[in-house]
């Protein structure tokens, strides 16, 4: 998973939530390669806020120095 300007942008679609574990594995690998990279999570309208917050918490647990939620376009 290549970093763009030191930041990973992850767009979460409701129909792909079953791949949560795979996503975390890829992010873990990316963080190991570039530990100073930041992470931006953006969910589509069908993803609940509670789901995004849970993913946010899991990503923080991976050790990213900055995790943020993006809303809108």
N, C-alpha and C. Protein backbone atom coordinates (compact mmCIF):
# COMPACT_ATOMS: atom_id res chain seq x y z
N UNK A 1 0.86 -1.17 0.00
CA UNK A 1 0.00 0.00 0.00
C UNK A 1 0.90 1.23 0.00
N UNK A 2 1.02 1.96 -1.10
CA UNK A 2 1.92 3.11 -1.17
C UNK A 2 1.37 4.31 -0.40
N UNK A 3 2.26 5.03 0.24
CA UNK A 3 1.87 6.25 0.95
C UNK A 3 1.92 7.42 -0.02
N UNK A 4 0.93 8.29 0.06
CA UNK A 4 0.88 9.48 -0.77
C UNK A 4 1.25 10.67 0.10
N UNK A 5 2.41 11.26 -0.14
CA UNK A 5 2.88 12.40 0.65
C UNK A 5 2.89 12.11 2.15
N UNK A 6 3.22 10.88 2.53
CA UNK A 6 3.32 10.54 3.94
C UNK A 6 2.01 10.29 4.63
N UNK A 7 0.92 10.20 3.86
CA UNK A 7 -0.40 9.98 4.44
C UNK A 7 -1.12 8.88 3.69
N UNK A 8 -1.72 7.95 4.41
CA UNK A 8 -2.57 6.93 3.81
C UNK A 8 -4.01 7.43 3.86
N UNK A 9 -4.72 7.37 2.76
CA UNK A 9 -6.14 7.69 2.71
C UNK A 9 -6.89 6.39 2.49
N UNK A 10 -7.75 6.02 3.43
CA UNK A 10 -8.52 4.79 3.34
C UNK A 10 -9.99 5.16 3.23
N UNK A 11 -10.62 4.78 2.14
CA UNK A 11 -12.04 5.01 1.94
C UNK A 11 -12.76 3.71 2.30
N UNK A 12 -13.67 3.80 3.26
CA UNK A 12 -14.38 2.63 3.77
C UNK A 12 -15.77 2.59 3.17
N UNK A 13 -16.07 1.53 2.44
CA UNK A 13 -17.39 1.35 1.84
C UNK A 13 -18.13 0.26 2.62
N UNK A 14 -19.41 0.47 2.85
CA UNK A 14 -20.21 -0.45 3.65
C UNK A 14 -20.14 -1.88 3.13
N UNK A 15 -20.14 -2.04 1.81
CA UNK A 15 -20.14 -3.39 1.25
C UNK A 15 -18.80 -4.11 1.43
N UNK A 16 -17.77 -3.40 1.89
CA UNK A 16 -16.46 -4.03 2.09
C UNK A 16 -16.06 -4.14 3.56
N UNK A 17 -16.98 -3.94 4.47
CA UNK A 17 -16.64 -3.99 5.89
C UNK A 17 -16.20 -5.38 6.35
N UNK A 18 -16.57 -6.41 5.60
CA UNK A 18 -16.17 -7.76 5.97
C UNK A 18 -14.66 -7.95 5.85
N UNK A 19 -13.98 -7.03 5.19
CA UNK A 19 -12.53 -7.11 5.00
C UNK A 19 -11.76 -6.32 6.05
N UNK A 20 -12.39 -6.03 7.17
CA UNK A 20 -11.80 -5.24 8.26
C UNK A 20 -10.43 -5.79 8.66
N UNK A 21 -10.34 -7.10 8.89
CA UNK A 21 -9.08 -7.71 9.31
C UNK A 21 -8.00 -7.60 8.25
N UNK A 22 -8.38 -7.74 6.99
CA UNK A 22 -7.42 -7.62 5.89
C UNK A 22 -6.90 -6.19 5.82
N UNK A 23 -7.81 -5.22 5.96
CA UNK A 23 -7.41 -3.81 5.94
C UNK A 23 -6.42 -3.53 7.06
N UNK A 24 -6.71 -4.01 8.26
CA UNK A 24 -5.80 -3.76 9.38
C UNK A 24 -4.44 -4.40 9.13
N UNK A 25 -4.42 -5.57 8.50
CA UNK A 25 -3.15 -6.22 8.18
C UNK A 25 -2.33 -5.40 7.19
N UNK A 26 -2.99 -4.87 6.17
CA UNK A 26 -2.30 -4.02 5.19
C UNK A 26 -1.78 -2.74 5.84
N UNK A 27 -2.59 -2.15 6.71
CA UNK A 27 -2.16 -0.93 7.39
C UNK A 27 -1.00 -1.21 8.35
N UNK A 28 -1.03 -2.36 9.00
CA UNK A 28 0.08 -2.75 9.89
C UNK A 28 1.37 -2.84 9.08
N UNK A 29 1.31 -3.46 7.90
CA UNK A 29 2.49 -3.57 7.04
C UNK A 29 2.96 -2.19 6.59
N UNK A 30 2.01 -1.34 6.18
CA UNK A 30 2.37 0.00 5.74
C UNK A 30 3.00 0.81 6.85
N UNK A 31 2.46 0.69 8.04
CA UNK A 31 3.02 1.42 9.19
C UNK A 31 4.43 0.93 9.51
N UNK A 32 4.66 -0.38 9.37
CA UNK A 32 6.00 -0.92 9.64
C UNK A 32 7.02 -0.35 8.64
N UNK A 33 6.59 -0.15 7.40
CA UNK A 33 7.50 0.39 6.37
C UNK A 33 7.70 1.90 6.51
N UNK A 34 6.66 2.61 6.95
CA UNK A 34 6.73 4.07 7.05
C UNK A 34 6.04 4.51 8.34
N UNK A 35 6.71 4.33 9.49
CA UNK A 35 6.07 4.56 10.78
C UNK A 35 5.63 6.00 11.06
N UNK A 36 6.13 6.96 10.30
CA UNK A 36 5.73 8.35 10.53
C UNK A 36 4.55 8.77 9.67
N UNK A 37 4.05 7.87 8.84
CA UNK A 37 2.91 8.19 7.98
C UNK A 37 1.65 8.38 8.80
N UNK A 38 0.82 9.28 8.34
CA UNK A 38 -0.47 9.53 8.99
C UNK A 38 -1.55 8.78 8.24
N UNK A 39 -2.72 8.73 8.84
CA UNK A 39 -3.82 7.96 8.27
C UNK A 39 -5.10 8.80 8.28
N UNK A 40 -5.79 8.82 7.16
CA UNK A 40 -7.08 9.49 7.04
C UNK A 40 -8.11 8.43 6.67
N UNK A 41 -9.17 8.33 7.46
CA UNK A 41 -10.26 7.40 7.18
C UNK A 41 -11.45 8.18 6.67
N UNK A 42 -12.02 7.72 5.57
CA UNK A 42 -13.20 8.36 4.99
C UNK A 42 -14.22 7.28 4.69
N UNK A 43 -15.40 7.38 5.26
CA UNK A 43 -16.44 6.37 5.04
C UNK A 43 -17.51 6.87 4.10
N UNK A 44 -18.11 5.94 3.37
CA UNK A 44 -19.24 6.35 2.53
C UNK A 44 -20.48 6.54 3.42
N UNK A 45 -21.53 7.06 2.84
CA UNK A 45 -22.73 7.40 3.62
C UNK A 45 -23.36 6.20 4.33
N UNK A 46 -23.15 5.01 3.81
CA UNK A 46 -23.78 3.82 4.38
C UNK A 46 -23.05 3.29 5.61
N UNK A 47 -21.84 3.76 5.86
CA UNK A 47 -21.06 3.30 7.02
C UNK A 47 -21.45 4.14 8.23
N UNK A 48 -21.81 3.48 9.31
CA UNK A 48 -22.24 4.21 10.51
C UNK A 48 -21.05 4.88 11.19
N UNK A 49 -21.36 5.92 11.95
CA UNK A 49 -20.33 6.61 12.71
C UNK A 49 -19.68 5.66 13.71
N UNK A 50 -20.48 4.81 14.34
CA UNK A 50 -19.95 3.85 15.31
C UNK A 50 -18.94 2.91 14.65
N UNK A 51 -19.21 2.48 13.44
CA UNK A 51 -18.28 1.61 12.72
C UNK A 51 -16.99 2.35 12.41
N UNK A 52 -17.10 3.60 11.98
CA UNK A 52 -15.90 4.39 11.68
C UNK A 52 -15.08 4.63 12.94
N UNK A 53 -15.74 4.90 14.05
CA UNK A 53 -15.01 5.13 15.30
C UNK A 53 -14.29 3.86 15.75
N UNK A 54 -14.93 2.71 15.56
CA UNK A 54 -14.29 1.44 15.92
C UNK A 54 -13.04 1.21 15.06
N UNK A 55 -13.15 1.48 13.77
CA UNK A 55 -12.01 1.34 12.88
C UNK A 55 -10.92 2.34 13.25
N UNK A 56 -11.32 3.56 13.58
CA UNK A 56 -10.41 4.61 14.02
C UNK A 56 -9.60 4.12 15.23
N UNK A 57 -10.30 3.55 16.22
CA UNK A 57 -9.65 3.04 17.43
C UNK A 57 -8.66 1.93 17.08
N UNK A 58 -9.08 1.01 16.20
CA UNK A 58 -8.19 -0.09 15.81
C UNK A 58 -6.94 0.44 15.12
N UNK A 59 -7.10 1.44 14.27
CA UNK A 59 -5.97 2.03 13.56
C UNK A 59 -5.03 2.76 14.51
N UNK A 60 -5.58 3.43 15.50
CA UNK A 60 -4.73 4.07 16.51
C UNK A 60 -3.89 3.01 17.23
N UNK A 61 -4.51 1.86 17.47
CA UNK A 61 -3.81 0.78 18.14
C UNK A 61 -2.64 0.22 17.34
N UNK A 62 -2.64 0.45 16.03
CA UNK A 62 -1.53 0.01 15.20
C UNK A 62 -0.31 0.90 15.37
N UNK A 63 -0.50 2.08 15.96
CA UNK A 63 0.63 2.96 16.24
C UNK A 63 0.81 4.14 15.31
N UNK A 64 -0.17 4.41 14.43
CA UNK A 64 -0.05 5.58 13.56
C UNK A 64 0.04 6.84 14.42
N UNK A 65 0.96 7.77 14.09
CA UNK A 65 1.10 8.98 14.88
C UNK A 65 -0.07 9.95 14.75
N UNK A 66 -0.85 9.80 13.68
CA UNK A 66 -2.02 10.65 13.49
C UNK A 66 -3.07 9.90 12.70
N UNK A 67 -4.26 9.81 13.26
CA UNK A 67 -5.39 9.20 12.56
C UNK A 67 -6.50 10.23 12.59
N UNK A 68 -7.11 10.48 11.44
CA UNK A 68 -8.22 11.44 11.41
C UNK A 68 -9.36 10.88 10.57
N UNK A 69 -10.54 11.42 10.83
CA UNK A 69 -11.72 11.07 10.06
C UNK A 69 -12.00 12.21 9.10
N UNK A 70 -12.29 11.88 7.86
CA UNK A 70 -12.63 12.90 6.86
C UNK A 70 -14.10 12.80 6.57
N UNK A 71 -14.77 13.93 6.53
CA UNK A 71 -16.18 13.97 6.19
C UNK A 71 -16.35 14.79 4.92
N UNK A 72 -17.40 14.52 4.18
CA UNK A 72 -17.65 15.28 2.96
C UNK A 72 -16.68 14.89 1.86
N UNK A 73 -16.65 15.69 0.81
CA UNK A 73 -15.80 15.38 -0.34
C UNK A 73 -14.50 16.08 -0.32
